[in-house]
């Protein structure tokens, strides 16, 4: 079974829905079969919602990492561009002397 973050988030949503449904049903004094059926339906219904949220989170994180890498590479190239003229000036001054 794949352990991608979106699947883990979906499983957490489903288990949380199941737990809430069981606790709420038992606190309300409902029969056990009714509580379990409703909890299973809540779990089945919340898994796709959690999967969608997990996929959105994974996409946002991937975009953020890519933007960070792009910014880092841009900073490195601008630093190299700033150093190039000063090195050229030092070479020209050394040749002039």
N, C-alpha and C. Protein backbone atom coordinates (compact mmCIF):
# COMPACT_ATOMS: atom_id res chain seq x y z
N UNK A 1 0.84 -1.19 0.00
CA UNK A 1 0.00 0.00 0.00
C UNK A 1 0.88 1.24 0.00
N UNK A 2 0.51 2.21 -0.80
CA UNK A 2 1.26 3.43 -0.92
C UNK A 2 1.04 4.33 0.30
N UNK A 3 2.10 4.92 0.79
CA UNK A 3 2.01 5.80 1.96
C UNK A 3 2.23 7.25 1.57
N UNK A 4 1.58 7.68 0.51
CA UNK A 4 1.72 9.07 0.12
C UNK A 4 1.01 9.95 1.13
N UNK A 5 1.44 11.19 1.27
CA UNK A 5 0.81 12.08 2.26
C UNK A 5 -0.69 12.26 2.03
N UNK A 6 -1.13 12.27 0.80
CA UNK A 6 -2.56 12.46 0.56
C UNK A 6 -3.37 11.26 1.07
N UNK A 7 -2.84 10.06 0.94
CA UNK A 7 -3.53 8.88 1.47
C UNK A 7 -3.55 8.88 2.99
N UNK A 8 -2.48 9.34 3.59
CA UNK A 8 -2.42 9.39 5.06
C UNK A 8 -3.41 10.43 5.58
N UNK A 9 -3.48 11.58 4.93
CA UNK A 9 -4.44 12.61 5.33
C UNK A 9 -5.87 12.10 5.16
N UNK A 10 -6.14 11.40 4.07
CA UNK A 10 -7.48 10.86 3.83
C UNK A 10 -7.84 9.84 4.91
N UNK A 11 -6.90 8.98 5.28
CA UNK A 11 -7.17 7.99 6.32
C UNK A 11 -7.42 8.66 7.67
N UNK A 12 -6.68 9.71 7.96
CA UNK A 12 -6.90 10.44 9.22
C UNK A 12 -8.28 11.09 9.24
N UNK A 13 -8.70 11.68 8.13
CA UNK A 13 -10.04 12.27 8.05
C UNK A 13 -11.10 11.20 8.29
N UNK A 14 -10.94 10.04 7.63
CA UNK A 14 -11.93 8.98 7.73
C UNK A 14 -12.00 8.45 9.17
N UNK A 15 -10.86 8.22 9.78
CA UNK A 15 -10.86 7.71 11.16
C UNK A 15 -11.40 8.74 12.15
N UNK A 16 -11.11 10.00 11.91
CA UNK A 16 -11.65 11.05 12.78
C UNK A 16 -13.16 11.11 12.66
N UNK A 17 -13.68 10.99 11.44
CA UNK A 17 -15.13 10.99 11.24
C UNK A 17 -15.77 9.79 11.92
N UNK A 18 -15.14 8.63 11.81
CA UNK A 18 -15.66 7.43 12.47
C UNK A 18 -15.71 7.63 13.98
N UNK A 19 -14.63 8.16 14.53
CA UNK A 19 -14.56 8.37 15.98
C UNK A 19 -15.62 9.35 16.46
N UNK A 20 -15.76 10.45 15.77
CA UNK A 20 -16.75 11.46 16.15
C UNK A 20 -18.15 10.87 16.08
N UNK A 21 -18.41 10.11 15.01
CA UNK A 21 -19.75 9.52 14.87
C UNK A 21 -20.04 8.51 15.97
N UNK A 22 -19.06 7.71 16.34
CA UNK A 22 -19.26 6.73 17.41
C UNK A 22 -19.50 7.43 18.74
N UNK A 23 -18.66 8.40 19.06
CA UNK A 23 -18.80 9.11 20.34
C UNK A 23 -20.13 9.86 20.40
N UNK A 24 -20.49 10.54 19.33
CA UNK A 24 -21.75 11.30 19.32
C UNK A 24 -22.95 10.37 19.39
N UNK A 25 -22.87 9.25 18.68
CA UNK A 25 -23.99 8.31 18.70
C UNK A 25 -24.17 7.66 20.06
N UNK A 26 -23.07 7.27 20.70
CA UNK A 26 -23.16 6.65 22.01
C UNK A 26 -23.60 7.67 23.07
N UNK A 27 -23.13 8.91 22.92
CA UNK A 27 -23.54 9.95 23.88
C UNK A 27 -25.03 10.26 23.73
N UNK A 28 -25.54 10.09 22.53
CA UNK A 28 -26.96 10.36 22.30
C UNK A 28 -27.86 9.20 22.70
N UNK A 29 -27.28 8.09 23.11
CA UNK A 29 -28.06 6.95 23.55
C UNK A 29 -28.66 6.13 22.42
N UNK A 30 -28.09 6.18 21.25
CA UNK A 30 -28.59 5.42 20.11
C UNK A 30 -28.17 3.95 20.21
N UNK A 31 -28.87 3.07 19.56
CA UNK A 31 -28.47 1.65 19.58
C UNK A 31 -27.13 1.44 18.86
N UNK A 32 -26.39 0.43 19.27
CA UNK A 32 -25.04 0.20 18.77
C UNK A 32 -25.02 -0.05 17.26
N UNK A 33 -25.98 -0.79 16.74
CA UNK A 33 -25.99 -1.04 15.30
C UNK A 33 -26.21 0.24 14.50
N UNK A 34 -27.06 1.08 14.97
CA UNK A 34 -27.29 2.36 14.30
C UNK A 34 -26.04 3.24 14.35
N UNK A 35 -25.39 3.24 15.49
CA UNK A 35 -24.17 4.04 15.66
C UNK A 35 -23.08 3.55 14.71
N UNK A 36 -22.88 2.24 14.64
CA UNK A 36 -21.83 1.69 13.79
C UNK A 36 -22.11 1.90 12.31
N UNK A 37 -23.37 1.74 11.90
CA UNK A 37 -23.71 1.96 10.49
C UNK A 37 -23.45 3.42 10.11
N UNK A 38 -23.89 4.32 10.94
CA UNK A 38 -23.68 5.75 10.65
C UNK A 38 -22.19 6.11 10.70
N UNK A 39 -21.45 5.50 11.61
CA UNK A 39 -20.02 5.77 11.69
C UNK A 39 -19.30 5.26 10.45
N UNK A 40 -19.69 4.08 9.96
CA UNK A 40 -19.09 3.56 8.73
C UNK A 40 -19.42 4.44 7.53
N UNK A 41 -20.66 4.92 7.45
CA UNK A 41 -21.03 5.83 6.36
C UNK A 41 -20.25 7.14 6.44
N UNK A 42 -20.05 7.64 7.65
CA UNK A 42 -19.26 8.87 7.82
C UNK A 42 -17.82 8.63 7.40
N UNK A 43 -17.28 7.47 7.74
CA UNK A 43 -15.90 7.15 7.38
C UNK A 43 -15.76 7.03 5.86
N UNK A 44 -16.69 6.35 5.22
CA UNK A 44 -16.65 6.20 3.77
C UNK A 44 -16.83 7.55 3.07
N UNK A 45 -17.66 8.40 3.60
CA UNK A 45 -17.88 9.71 3.02
C UNK A 45 -16.73 10.68 3.20
N UNK A 46 -16.03 10.58 4.31
CA UNK A 46 -14.95 11.53 4.60
C UNK A 46 -13.63 11.14 3.96
N UNK A 47 -13.47 9.89 3.55
CA UNK A 47 -12.20 9.50 2.91
C UNK A 47 -11.95 10.29 1.63
N UNK A 48 -12.90 10.39 0.69
CA UNK A 48 -12.63 11.17 -0.53
C UNK A 48 -12.38 12.65 -0.24
N UNK A 49 -13.06 13.19 0.75
CA UNK A 49 -12.83 14.59 1.12
C UNK A 49 -11.40 14.77 1.61
N UNK A 50 -10.96 13.86 2.47
CA UNK A 50 -9.58 13.92 2.95
C UNK A 50 -8.57 13.71 1.84
N UNK A 51 -8.90 12.86 0.88
CA UNK A 51 -8.00 12.62 -0.25
C UNK A 51 -7.85 13.88 -1.10
N UNK A 52 -8.96 14.57 -1.34
CA UNK A 52 -8.90 15.81 -2.11
C UNK A 52 -8.07 16.86 -1.37
N UNK A 53 -8.30 16.99 -0.08
CA UNK A 53 -7.53 17.96 0.71
C UNK A 53 -6.05 17.57 0.73
N UNK A 54 -5.76 16.29 0.83
CA UNK A 54 -4.38 15.82 0.81
C UNK A 54 -3.70 16.11 -0.51
N UNK A 55 -4.40 15.92 -1.62
CA UNK A 55 -3.83 16.22 -2.93
C UNK A 55 -3.57 17.71 -3.09
N UNK A 56 -4.48 18.53 -2.58
CA UNK A 56 -4.28 19.98 -2.63
C UNK A 56 -3.05 20.37 -1.81
N UNK A 57 -2.93 19.81 -0.62
CA UNK A 57 -1.77 20.11 0.23
C UNK A 57 -0.47 19.66 -0.42
N UNK A 58 -0.47 18.49 -1.05
CA UNK A 58 0.74 18.00 -1.72
C UNK A 58 1.12 18.93 -2.87
N UNK A 59 0.13 19.41 -3.61
CA UNK A 59 0.41 20.32 -4.73
C UNK A 59 0.96 21.66 -4.23
N UNK A 60 0.38 22.17 -3.15
CA UNK A 60 0.85 23.44 -2.59
C UNK A 60 2.29 23.30 -2.10
N UNK A 61 2.59 22.19 -1.43
CA UNK A 61 3.96 21.98 -0.95
C UNK A 61 4.94 21.84 -2.11
N UNK A 62 4.56 21.13 -3.17
CA UNK A 62 5.44 20.98 -4.33
C UNK A 62 5.70 22.33 -5.00
N UNK A 63 4.66 23.14 -5.14
CA UNK A 63 4.82 24.47 -5.72
C UNK A 63 5.72 25.35 -4.86
N UNK A 64 5.57 25.26 -3.55
CA UNK A 64 6.40 26.06 -2.64
C UNK A 64 7.87 25.65 -2.73
N UNK A 65 8.12 24.35 -2.78
CA UNK A 65 9.50 23.86 -2.89
C UNK A 65 10.11 24.31 -4.21
N UNK A 66 9.33 24.23 -5.30
CA UNK A 66 9.84 24.66 -6.59
C UNK A 66 10.14 26.16 -6.60
N UNK A 67 9.26 26.96 -6.00
CA UNK A 67 9.51 28.41 -5.93
C UNK A 67 10.75 28.71 -5.10
N UNK A 68 10.95 27.97 -4.04
CA UNK A 68 12.15 28.16 -3.20
C UNK A 68 13.40 27.79 -3.98
N UNK A 69 13.35 26.71 -4.74
CA UNK A 69 14.52 26.32 -5.56
C UNK A 69 14.79 27.36 -6.64
N UNK A 70 13.74 27.88 -7.28
CA UNK A 70 13.92 28.90 -8.30
C UNK A 70 14.54 30.17 -7.71
N UNK A 71 14.08 30.55 -6.53
CA UNK A 71 14.62 31.74 -5.88
C UNK A 71 16.08 31.54 -5.50
N UNK A 72 16.42 30.34 -5.05
CA UNK A 72 17.80 30.07 -4.67
C UNK A 72 18.71 30.07 -5.89
N UNK A 73 18.26 29.51 -6.99
CA UNK A 73 19.09 29.50 -8.20
C UNK A 73 19.22 30.90 -8.78
N UNK A 74 18.17 31.72 -8.67
CA UNK A 74 18.24 33.10 -9.14
C UNK A 74 19.21 33.90 -8.29
N UNK A 75 19.23 33.64 -6.99
CA UNK A 75 20.15 34.35 -6.11
C UNK A 75 21.59 33.96 -6.41
N UNK A 76 21.82 32.70 -6.71
CA UNK A 76 23.17 32.25 -7.04
C UNK A 76 23.64 32.87 -8.35
N UNK A 77 22.78 32.94 -9.34
CA UNK A 77 23.17 33.50 -10.63
C UNK A 77 23.41 35.01 -10.51
N UNK A 78 22.62 35.72 -9.70
CA UNK A 78 22.82 37.16 -9.54
C UNK A 78 24.10 37.43 -8.78
N UNK A 79 24.47 36.57 -7.85
CA UNK A 79 25.73 36.72 -7.13
C UNK A 79 26.89 36.50 -8.08
N UNK A 80 26.78 35.54 -8.97
CA UNK A 80 27.84 35.29 -9.95
C UNK A 80 27.95 36.46 -10.92
N UNK A 81 26.82 37.06 -11.30
CA UNK A 81 26.85 38.21 -12.21
C UNK A 81 27.49 39.42 -11.54
N UNK A 82 27.27 39.59 -10.24
CA UNK A 82 27.86 40.72 -9.53
C UNK A 82 29.36 40.55 -9.38
N UNK A 83 29.83 39.33 -9.23
CA UNK A 83 31.25 39.09 -9.07
C UNK A 83 32.00 39.19 -10.38
N UNK A 84 31.39 38.89 -11.49
CA UNK A 84 32.06 38.88 -12.78
C UNK A 84 32.63 40.25 -13.16
N UNK A 85 31.91 41.36 -13.07
CA UNK A 85 32.50 42.66 -13.42
C UNK A 85 33.64 43.06 -12.50
N UNK A 86 33.55 42.77 -11.23
CA UNK A 86 34.62 43.15 -10.31
C UNK A 86 35.88 42.35 -10.61
N UNK A 87 35.75 41.11 -11.01
CA UNK A 87 36.91 40.32 -11.37
C UNK A 87 37.52 40.85 -12.67
N UNK A 88 36.67 41.27 -13.60
CA UNK A 88 37.16 41.83 -14.85
C UNK A 88 37.90 43.15 -14.59
N UNK A 89 37.39 43.98 -13.69
CA UNK A 89 38.05 45.25 -13.34
C UNK A 89 39.39 44.99 -12.68
N UNK A 90 39.47 43.99 -11.82
CA UNK A 90 40.73 43.66 -11.16
C UNK A 90 41.75 43.19 -12.16
N UNK A 91 41.36 42.44 -13.16
CA UNK A 91 42.27 41.98 -14.19
C UNK A 91 42.75 43.15 -15.04
N UNK A 92 41.86 44.07 -15.37
CA UNK A 92 42.22 45.24 -16.17
C UNK A 92 43.19 46.14 -15.41
N UNK A 93 42.94 46.33 -14.11
CA UNK A 93 43.82 47.16 -13.29
C UNK A 93 45.19 46.52 -13.14
N UNK A 94 45.23 45.21 -13.01
CA UNK A 94 46.53 44.52 -12.88
C UNK A 94 47.33 44.64 -14.18
N UNK A 95 46.65 44.60 -15.31
CA UNK A 95 47.36 44.72 -16.57
C UNK A 95 47.83 46.16 -16.78
N UNK A 96 47.12 47.13 -16.29
CA UNK A 96 47.49 48.53 -16.44
C UNK A 96 48.74 48.87 -15.64
N UNK A 97 48.94 48.18 -14.55
CA UNK A 97 50.10 48.50 -13.70
C UNK A 97 51.30 47.89 -14.27
